[in-house]
Amino acid sequence: MDLSKVIESSDGRFFTCEFTKKDGSIRTLNGRLGVEKYLKGGECTLDREKFVIVYDIQAKGYRAVNRETILSVKIDGVKFCKGE
């Protein structure tokens, strides 16, 4: 299952995503897609094929999550895990 597709189909709902960071540590992020309130202009130069851009509710900032390192996604009380 492609967990990035689960995130993209969240339709603005909150979700929890667990992924492996670039340094190898595992991080849990509570976030949401579609948040535009805190954008400061400019253009995103990240590869959208490789990353999902998520607004992190706790850190109050945007985060780029590598699609290949997503371990699990929980949305509406349903948890989806890699390899299911």
PDB file of N, CA and C in Angstrom:
ATOM      1  N   MET A   1       0.841  -1.196   0.000  1.00  0.00           N
ATOM      2  CA  MET A   1       0.000   0.000   0.000  1.00  0.00           C
ATOM      3  C   MET A   1       0.878   1.249   0.000  1.00  0.00           C
ATOM      4  N   ASP A   2       0.531   2.200  -0.826  1.00  0.00           N
ATOM      5  CA  ASP A   2       1.267   3.458  -0.894  1.00  0.00           C
ATOM      6  C   ASP A   2       0.685   4.411   0.154  1.00  0.00           C
ATOM      7  N   LEU A   3       1.399   4.557   1.260  1.00  0.00           N
ATOM      8  CA  LEU A   3       0.904   5.361   2.372  1.00  0.00           C
ATOM      9  C   LEU A   3       0.835   6.844   2.032  1.00  0.00           C
ATOM     10  N   SER A   4       1.642   7.311   1.088  1.00  0.00           N
ATOM     11  CA  SER A   4       1.556   8.724   0.703  1.00  0.00           C
ATOM     12  C   SER A   4       0.206   9.015   0.050  1.00  0.00           C
ATOM     13  N   LYS A   5      -0.371   8.028  -0.615  1.00  0.00           N
ATOM     14  CA  LYS A   5      -1.701   8.197  -1.229  1.00  0.00           C
ATOM     15  C   LYS A   5      -2.770   8.317  -0.149  1.00  0.00           C
ATOM     16  N   VAL A   6      -2.587   7.617   0.981  1.00  0.00           N
ATOM     17  CA  VAL A   6      -3.521   7.731   2.105  1.00  0.00           C
ATOM     18  C   VAL A   6      -3.485   9.162   2.634  1.00  0.00           C
ATOM     19  N   ILE A   7      -2.285   9.721   2.774  1.00  0.00           N
ATOM     20  CA  ILE A   7      -2.142  11.098   3.238  1.00  0.00           C
ATOM     21  C   ILE A   7      -2.799  12.057   2.250  1.00  0.00           C
ATOM     22  N   GLU A   8      -2.537  11.874   0.971  1.00  0.00           N
ATOM     23  CA  GLU A   8      -3.080  12.771  -0.044  1.00  0.00           C
ATOM     24  C   GLU A   8      -4.602  12.700  -0.135  1.00  0.00           C
ATOM     25  N   SER A   9      -5.193  11.600   0.280  1.00  0.00           N
ATOM     26  CA  SER A   9      -6.650  11.469   0.232  1.00  0.00           C
ATOM     27  C   SER A   9      -7.309  11.896   1.547  1.00  0.00           C
ATOM     28  N   SER A  10      -6.556  12.545   2.424  1.00  0.00           N
ATOM     29  CA  SER A  10      -7.092  12.944   3.733  1.00  0.00           C
ATOM     30  C   SER A  10      -8.080  14.109   3.643  1.00  0.00           C
ATOM     31  N   ASP A  11      -8.099  14.824   2.542  1.00  0.00           N
ATOM     32  CA  ASP A  11      -9.059  15.915   2.317  1.00  0.00           C
ATOM     33  C   ASP A  11      -9.088  16.945   3.440  1.00  0.00           C
ATOM     34  N   GLY A  12      -7.914  17.334   3.922  1.00  0.00           N
ATOM     35  CA  GLY A  12      -7.841  18.373   4.941  1.00  0.00           C
ATOM     36  C   GLY A  12      -8.056  17.892   6.366  1.00  0.00           C
ATOM     37  N   ARG A  13      -8.297  16.595   6.554  1.00  0.00           N
ATOM     38  CA  ARG A  13      -8.478  16.061   7.905  1.00  0.00           C
ATOM     39  C   ARG A  13      -7.114  15.869   8.564  1.00  0.00           C
ATOM     40  N   PHE A  14      -7.108  15.872   9.891  1.00  0.00           N
ATOM     41  CA  PHE A  14      -5.872  15.648  10.634  1.00  0.00           C
ATOM     42  C   PHE A  14      -5.472  14.181  10.544  1.00  0.00           C
ATOM     43  N   PHE A  15      -4.156  13.940  10.581  1.00  0.00           N
ATOM     44  CA  PHE A  15      -3.649  12.574  10.557  1.00  0.00           C
ATOM     45  C   PHE A  15      -2.345  12.512  11.340  1.00  0.00           C
ATOM     46  N   THR A  16      -1.953  11.305  11.695  1.00  0.00           N
ATOM     47  CA  THR A  16      -0.667  11.055  12.340  1.00  0.00           C
ATOM     48  C   THR A  16       0.152  10.204  11.395  1.00  0.00           C
ATOM     49  N   CYS A  17       1.380  10.612  11.182  1.00  0.00           N
ATOM     50  CA  CYS A  17       2.263   9.929  10.244  1.00  0.00           C
ATOM     51  C   CYS A  17       3.560   9.571  10.966  1.00  0.00           C
ATOM     52  N   GLU A  18       3.991   8.343  10.835  1.00  0.00           N
ATOM     53  CA  GLU A  18       5.271   7.918  11.402  1.00  0.00           C
ATOM     54  C   GLU A  18       6.206   7.613  10.237  1.00  0.00           C
ATOM     55  N   PHE A  19       7.398   8.202  10.282  1.00  0.00           N
ATOM     56  CA  PHE A  19       8.334   8.027   9.173  1.00  0.00           C
ATOM     57  C   PHE A  19       9.770   8.049   9.681  1.00  0.00           C
ATOM     58  N   THR A  20      10.683   7.612   8.832  1.00  0.00           N
ATOM     59  CA  THR A  20      12.102   7.619   9.153  1.00  0.00           C
ATOM     60  C   THR A  20      12.716   8.890   8.592  1.00  0.00           C
ATOM     61  N   LYS A  21      13.377   9.643   9.465  1.00  0.00           N
ATOM     62  CA  LYS A  21      14.011  10.886   9.039  1.00  0.00           C
ATOM     63  C   LYS A  21      15.305  10.584   8.283  1.00  0.00           C
ATOM     64  N   LYS A  22      15.875  11.593   7.689  1.00  0.00           N
ATOM     65  CA  LYS A  22      17.095  11.460   6.904  1.00  0.00           C
ATOM     66  C   LYS A  22      18.254  10.919   7.752  1.00  0.00           C
ATOM     67  N   ASP A  23      18.276  11.290   9.052  1.00  0.00           N
ATOM     68  CA  ASP A  23      19.352  10.822   9.932  1.00  0.00           C
ATOM     69  C   ASP A  23      19.118   9.407  10.469  1.00  0.00           C
ATOM     70  N   GLY A  24      17.997   8.776  10.071  1.00  0.00           N
ATOM     71  CA  GLY A  24      17.719   7.407  10.484  1.00  0.00           C
ATOM     72  C   GLY A  24      16.798   7.274  11.686  1.00  0.00           C
ATOM     73  N   SER A  25      16.510   8.375  12.362  1.00  0.00           N
ATOM     74  CA  SER A  25      15.618   8.310  13.521  1.00  0.00           C
ATOM     75  C   SER A  25      14.157   8.283  13.048  1.00  0.00           C
ATOM     76  N   ILE A  26      13.301   7.742  13.905  1.00  0.00           N
ATOM     77  CA  ILE A  26      11.884   7.649  13.579  1.00  0.00           C
ATOM     78  C   ILE A  26      11.153   8.821  14.212  1.00  0.00           C
ATOM     79  N   ARG A  27      10.265   9.446  13.452  1.00  0.00           N
ATOM     80  CA  ARG A  27       9.544  10.622  13.929  1.00  0.00           C
ATOM     81  C   ARG A  27       8.051  10.423  13.717  1.00  0.00           C
ATOM     82  N   THR A  28       7.289  10.915  14.683  1.00  0.00           N
ATOM     83  CA  THR A  28       5.831  10.917  14.569  1.00  0.00           C
ATOM     84  C   THR A  28       5.379  12.359  14.398  1.00  0.00           C
ATOM     85  N   LEU A  29       4.570  12.587  13.401  1.00  0.00           N
ATOM     86  CA  LEU A  29       4.118  13.928  13.060  1.00  0.00           C
ATOM     87  C   LEU A  29       2.594  13.955  13.045  1.00  0.00           C
ATOM     88  N   ASN A  30       2.007  14.924  13.721  1.00  0.00           N
ATOM     89  CA  ASN A  30       0.570  15.173  13.637  1.00  0.00           C
ATOM     90  C   ASN A  30       0.391  16.327  12.675  1.00  0.00           C
ATOM     91  N   GLY A  31      -0.294  16.074  11.584  1.00  0.00           N
ATOM     92  CA  GLY A  31      -0.350  17.115  10.566  1.00  0.00           C
ATOM     93  C   GLY A  31      -1.627  17.146   9.776  1.00  0.00           C
ATOM     94  N   ARG A  32      -1.554  17.977   8.746  1.00  0.00           N
ATOM     95  CA  ARG A  32      -2.698  18.229   7.899  1.00  0.00           C
ATOM     96  C   ARG A  32      -2.201  18.758   6.562  1.00  0.00           C
ATOM     97  N   LEU A  33      -2.891  18.430   5.511  1.00  0.00           N
ATOM     98  CA  LEU A  33      -2.577  18.967   4.188  1.00  0.00           C
ATOM     99  C   LEU A  33      -3.454  20.178   3.911  1.00  0.00           C
ATOM    100  N   GLY A  34      -3.023  21.013   3.006  1.00  0.00           N
ATOM    101  CA  GLY A  34      -3.847  22.115   2.541  1.00  0.00           C
ATOM    102  C   GLY A  34      -3.789  23.373   3.383  1.00  0.00           C
ATOM    103  N   VAL A  35      -2.915  23.432   4.381  1.00  0.00           N
ATOM    104  CA  VAL A  35      -2.805  24.637   5.210  1.00  0.00           C
ATOM    105  C   VAL A  35      -2.013  25.677   4.431  1.00  0.00           C
ATOM    106  N   GLU A  36      -2.619  26.841   4.206  1.00  0.00           N
ATOM    107  CA  GLU A  36      -1.965  27.898   3.435  1.00  0.00           C
ATOM    108  C   GLU A  36      -1.770  29.173   4.239  1.00  0.00           C
ATOM    109  N   LYS A  37      -2.283  29.196   5.446  1.00  0.00           N
ATOM    110  CA  LYS A  37      -2.262  30.410   6.265  1.00  0.00           C
ATOM    111  C   LYS A  37      -0.852  30.934   6.528  1.00  0.00           C
ATOM    112  N   TYR A  38       0.121  30.050   6.676  1.00  0.00           N
ATOM    113  CA  TYR A  38       1.465  30.459   7.080  1.00  0.00           C
ATOM    114  C   TYR A  38       2.459  30.516   5.928  1.00  0.00           C
ATOM    115  N   LEU A  39       1.982  30.405   4.705  1.00  0.00           N
ATOM    116  CA  LEU A  39       2.882  30.502   3.556  1.00  0.00           C
ATOM    117  C   LEU A  39       3.423  31.922   3.453  1.00  0.00           C
ATOM    118  N   LYS A  40       4.700  32.037   3.075  1.00  0.00           N
ATOM    119  CA  LYS A  40       5.334  33.349   3.006  1.00  0.00           C
ATOM    120  C   LYS A  40       5.681  33.760   1.582  1.00  0.00           C
ATOM    121  N   GLY A  41       5.156  33.046   0.626  1.00  0.00           N
ATOM    122  CA  GLY A  41       5.461  33.383  -0.763  1.00  0.00           C
ATOM    123  C   GLY A  41       6.618  32.545  -1.265  1.00  0.00           C
ATOM    124  N   GLY A  42       7.001  32.787  -2.454  1.00  0.00           N
ATOM    125  CA  GLY A  42       8.067  31.986  -3.039  1.00  0.00           C
ATOM    126  C   GLY A  42       7.506  30.711  -3.632  1.00  0.00           C
ATOM    127  N   GLU A  43       8.397  29.909  -4.146  1.00  0.00           N
ATOM    128  CA  GLU A  43       7.991  28.684  -4.816  1.00  0.00           C
ATOM    129  C   GLU A  43       8.684  27.495  -4.185  1.00  0.00           C
ATOM    130  N   CYS A  44       7.949  26.422  -3.989  1.00  0.00           N
ATOM    131  CA  CYS A  44       8.513  25.202  -3.424  1.00  0.00           C
ATOM    132  C   CYS A  44       9.391  24.538  -4.481  1.00  0.00           C
ATOM    133  N   THR A  45      10.636  24.265  -4.128  1.00  0.00           N
ATOM    134  CA  THR A  45      11.573  23.659  -5.079  1.00  0.00           C
ATOM    135  C   THR A  45      11.759  22.164  -4.844  1.00  0.00           C
ATOM    136  N   LEU A  46      11.045  21.604  -3.872  1.00  0.00           N
ATOM    137  CA  LEU A  46      11.150  20.174  -3.588  1.00  0.00           C
ATOM    138  C   LEU A  46      10.472  19.355  -4.676  1.00  0.00           C
ATOM    139  N   ASP A  47      10.978  18.157  -4.883  1.00  0.00           N
ATOM    140  CA  ASP A  47      10.413  17.234  -5.854  1.00  0.00           C
ATOM    141  C   ASP A  47       9.132  16.634  -5.269  1.00  0.00           C
ATOM    142  N   ARG A  48       7.989  17.017  -5.803  1.00  0.00           N
ATOM    143  CA  ARG A  48       6.697  16.535  -5.298  1.00  0.00           C
ATOM    144  C   ARG A  48       6.504  15.044  -5.537  1.00  0.00           C
ATOM    145  N   GLU A  49       7.286  14.467  -6.444  1.00  0.00           N
ATOM    146  CA  GLU A  49       7.226  13.021  -6.673  1.00  0.00           C
ATOM    147  C   GLU A  49       7.887  12.266  -5.520  1.00  0.00           C
ATOM    148  N   LYS A  50       8.831  12.913  -4.847  1.00  0.00           N
ATOM    149  CA  LYS A  50       9.584  12.261  -3.770  1.00  0.00           C
ATOM    150  C   LYS A  50       9.079  12.653  -2.376  1.00  0.00           C
ATOM    151  N   PHE A  51       8.523  13.849  -2.224  1.00  0.00           N
ATOM    152  CA  PHE A  51       8.117  14.351  -0.909  1.00  0.00           C
ATOM    153  C   PHE A  51       6.644  14.742  -0.856  1.00  0.00           C
ATOM    154  N   VAL A  52       6.056  14.585   0.332  1.00  0.00           N
ATOM    155  CA  VAL A  52       4.723  15.104   0.629  1.00  0.00           C
ATOM    156  C   VAL A  52       4.940  16.277   1.566  1.00  0.00           C
ATOM    157  N   ILE A  53       4.372  17.436   1.247  1.00  0.00           N
ATOM    158  CA  ILE A  53       4.514  18.618   2.093  1.00  0.00           C
ATOM    159  C   ILE A  53       3.340  18.646   3.065  1.00  0.00           C
ATOM    160  N   VAL A  54       3.657  18.608   4.366  1.00  0.00           N
ATOM    161  CA  VAL A  54       2.658  18.495   5.428  1.00  0.00           C
ATOM    162  C   VAL A  54       2.839  19.656   6.396  1.00  0.00           C
ATOM    163  N   TYR A  55       1.725  20.191   6.903  1.00  0.00           N
ATOM    164  CA  TYR A  55       1.812  21.194   7.960  1.00  0.00           C
ATOM    165  C   TYR A  55       1.812  20.458   9.289  1.00  0.00           C
ATOM    166  N   ASP A  56       2.893  20.614  10.068  1.00  0.00           N
ATOM    167  CA  ASP A  56       3.049  19.976  11.375  1.00  0.00           C
ATOM    168  C   ASP A  56       2.354  20.839  12.422  1.00  0.00           C
ATOM    169  N   ILE A  57       1.292  20.311  13.014  1.00  0.00           N
ATOM    170  CA  ILE A  57       0.483  21.054  13.972  1.00  0.00           C
ATOM    171  C   ILE A  57       1.277  21.421  15.222  1.00  0.00           C
ATOM    172  N   GLN A  58       2.064  20.476  15.757  1.00  0.00           N
ATOM    173  CA  GLN A  58       2.802  20.725  16.994  1.00  0.00           C
ATOM    174  C   GLN A  58       3.948  21.700  16.803  1.00  0.00           C
ATOM    175  N   ALA A  59       4.690  21.557  15.704  1.00  0.00           N
ATOM    176  CA  ALA A  59       5.841  22.425  15.453  1.00  0.00           C
ATOM    177  C   ALA A  59       5.425  23.731  14.774  1.00  0.00           C
ATOM    178  N   LYS A  60       4.172  23.801  14.331  1.00  0.00           N
ATOM    179  CA  LYS A  60       3.654  24.981  13.635  1.00  0.00           C
ATOM    180  C   LYS A  60       4.529  25.379  12.440  1.00  0.00           C
ATOM    181  N   GLY A  61       4.795  24.384  11.603  1.00  0.00           N
ATOM    182  CA  GLY A  61       5.595  24.638  10.419  1.00  0.00           C
ATOM    183  C   GLY A  61       5.395  23.548   9.385  1.00  0.00           C
ATOM    184  N   TYR A  62       5.887  23.789   8.207  1.00  0.00           N
ATOM    185  CA  TYR A  62       5.760  22.842   7.112  1.00  0.00           C
ATOM    186  C   TYR A  62       6.918  21.853   7.149  1.00  0.00           C
ATOM    187  N   ARG A  63       6.619  20.602   6.839  1.00  0.00           N
ATOM    188  CA  ARG A  63       7.629  19.549   6.827  1.00  0.00           C
ATOM    189  C   ARG A  63       7.523  18.781   5.515  1.00  0.00           C
ATOM    190  N   ALA A  64       8.662  18.340   5.022  1.00  0.00           N
ATOM    191  CA  ALA A  64       8.707  17.500   3.824  1.00  0.00           C
ATOM    192  C   ALA A  64       8.947  16.062   4.275  1.00  0.00           C
ATOM    193  N   VAL A  65       8.007  15.202   3.944  1.00  0.00           N
ATOM    194  CA  VAL A  65       8.106  13.793   4.326  1.00  0.00           C
ATOM    195  C   VAL A  65       8.422  12.987   3.076  1.00  0.00           C
ATOM    196  N   ASN A  66       9.515  12.230   3.142  1.00  0.00           N
ATOM    197  CA  ASN A  66       9.912  11.384   2.025  1.00  0.00           C
ATOM    198  C   ASN A  66       8.891  10.262   1.876  1.00  0.00           C
ATOM    199  N   ARG A  67       8.306  10.137   0.700  1.00  0.00           N
ATOM    200  CA  ARG A  67       7.267   9.138   0.453  1.00  0.00           C
ATOM    201  C   ARG A  67       7.769   7.714   0.725  1.00  0.00           C
ATOM    202  N   GLU A  68       9.041   7.452   0.467  1.00  0.00           N
ATOM    203  CA  GLU A  68       9.593   6.104   0.594  1.00  0.00           C
ATOM    204  C   GLU A  68       9.842   5.692   2.041  1.00  0.00           C
ATOM    205  N   THR A  69       9.879   6.652   2.963  1.00  0.00           N
ATOM    206  CA  THR A  69      10.218   6.315   4.345  1.00  0.00           C
ATOM    207  C   THR A  69       9.020   6.346   5.291  1.00  0.00           C
ATOM    208  N   ILE A  70       7.812   6.516   4.771  1.00  0.00           N
ATOM    209  CA  ILE A  70       6.616   6.525   5.615  1.00  0.00           C
ATOM    210  C   ILE A  70       6.372   5.108   6.124  1.00  0.00           C
ATOM    211  N   LEU A  71       6.247   4.968   7.449  1.00  0.00           N
ATOM    212  CA  LEU A  71       6.039   3.668   8.074  1.00  0.00           C
ATOM    213  C   LEU A  71       4.568   3.389   8.369  1.00  0.00           C
ATOM    214  N   SER A  72       3.835   4.432   8.815  1.00  0.00           N
ATOM    215  CA  SER A  72       2.417   4.250   9.102  1.00  0.00           C
ATOM    216  C   SER A  72       1.692   5.589   9.039  1.00  0.00           C
ATOM    217  N   VAL A  73       0.388   5.499   8.808  1.00  0.00           N
ATOM    218  CA  VAL A  73      -0.485   6.675   8.778  1.00  0.00           C
ATOM    219  C   VAL A  73      -1.761   6.299   9.522  1.00  0.00           C
ATOM    220  N   LYS A  74      -2.182   7.185  10.436  1.00  0.00           N
ATOM    221  CA  LYS A  74      -3.434   6.969  11.155  1.00  0.00           C
ATOM    222  C   LYS A  74      -4.353   8.141  10.869  1.00  0.00           C
ATOM    223  N   ILE A  75      -5.532   7.827  10.347  1.00  0.00           N
ATOM    224  CA  ILE A  75      -6.497   8.859  10.014  1.00  0.00           C
ATOM    225  C   ILE A  75      -7.891   8.351  10.366  1.00  0.00           C
ATOM    226  N   ASP A  76      -8.667   9.192  11.027  1.00  0.00           N
ATOM    227  CA  ASP A  76     -10.020   8.830  11.472  1.00  0.00           C
ATOM    228  C   ASP A  76     -10.022   7.542  12.293  1.00  0.00           C
ATOM    229  N   GLY A  77      -8.982   7.330  13.097  1.00  0.00           N
ATOM    230  CA  GLY A  77      -8.915   6.157  13.964  1.00  0.00           C
ATOM    231  C   GLY A  77      -8.492   4.877  13.276  1.00  0.00           C
ATOM    232  N   VAL A  78      -8.209   4.934  11.977  1.00  0.00           N
ATOM    233  CA  VAL A  78      -7.780   3.749  11.228  1.00  0.00           C
ATOM    234  C   VAL A  78      -6.295   3.883  10.924  1.00  0.00           C
ATOM    235  N   LYS A  79      -5.533   2.848  11.289  1.00  0.00           N
ATOM    236  CA  LYS A  79      -4.087   2.885  11.076  1.00  0.00           C
ATOM    237  C   LYS A  79      -3.722   2.025   9.870  1.00  0.00           C
ATOM    238  N   PHE A  80      -2.936   2.612   8.979  1.00  0.00           N
ATOM    239  CA  PHE A  80      -2.424   1.928   7.800  1.00  0.00           C
ATOM    240  C   PHE A  80      -0.917   1.783   7.977  1.00  0.00           C
ATOM    241  N   CYS A  81      -0.393   0.573   7.803  1.00  0.00           N
ATOM    242  CA  CYS A  81       1.037   0.340   7.989  1.00  0.00           C
ATOM    243  C   CYS A  81       1.681  -0.101   6.680  1.00  0.00           C
ATOM    244  N   LYS A  82       2.961   0.172   6.596  1.00  0.00           N
ATOM    245  CA  LYS A  82       3.726  -0.212   5.414  1.00  0.00           C
ATOM    246  C   LYS A  82       3.714  -1.733   5.289  1.00  0.00           C
ATOM    247  N   GLY A  83       3.513  -2.237   4.106  1.00  0.00           N
ATOM    248  CA  GLY A  83       3.520  -3.669   3.872  1.00  0.00           C
ATOM    249  C   GLY A  83       2.155  -4.326   4.010  1.00  0.00           C
ATOM    250  N   GLU A  84       1.126  -3.562   4.314  1.00  0.00           N
ATOM    251  CA  GLU A  84      -0.220  -4.148   4.410  1.00  0.00           C
ATOM    252  C   GLU A  84      -0.912  -4.148   3.074  1.00  0.00           C
TER     253      GLU A  84
END
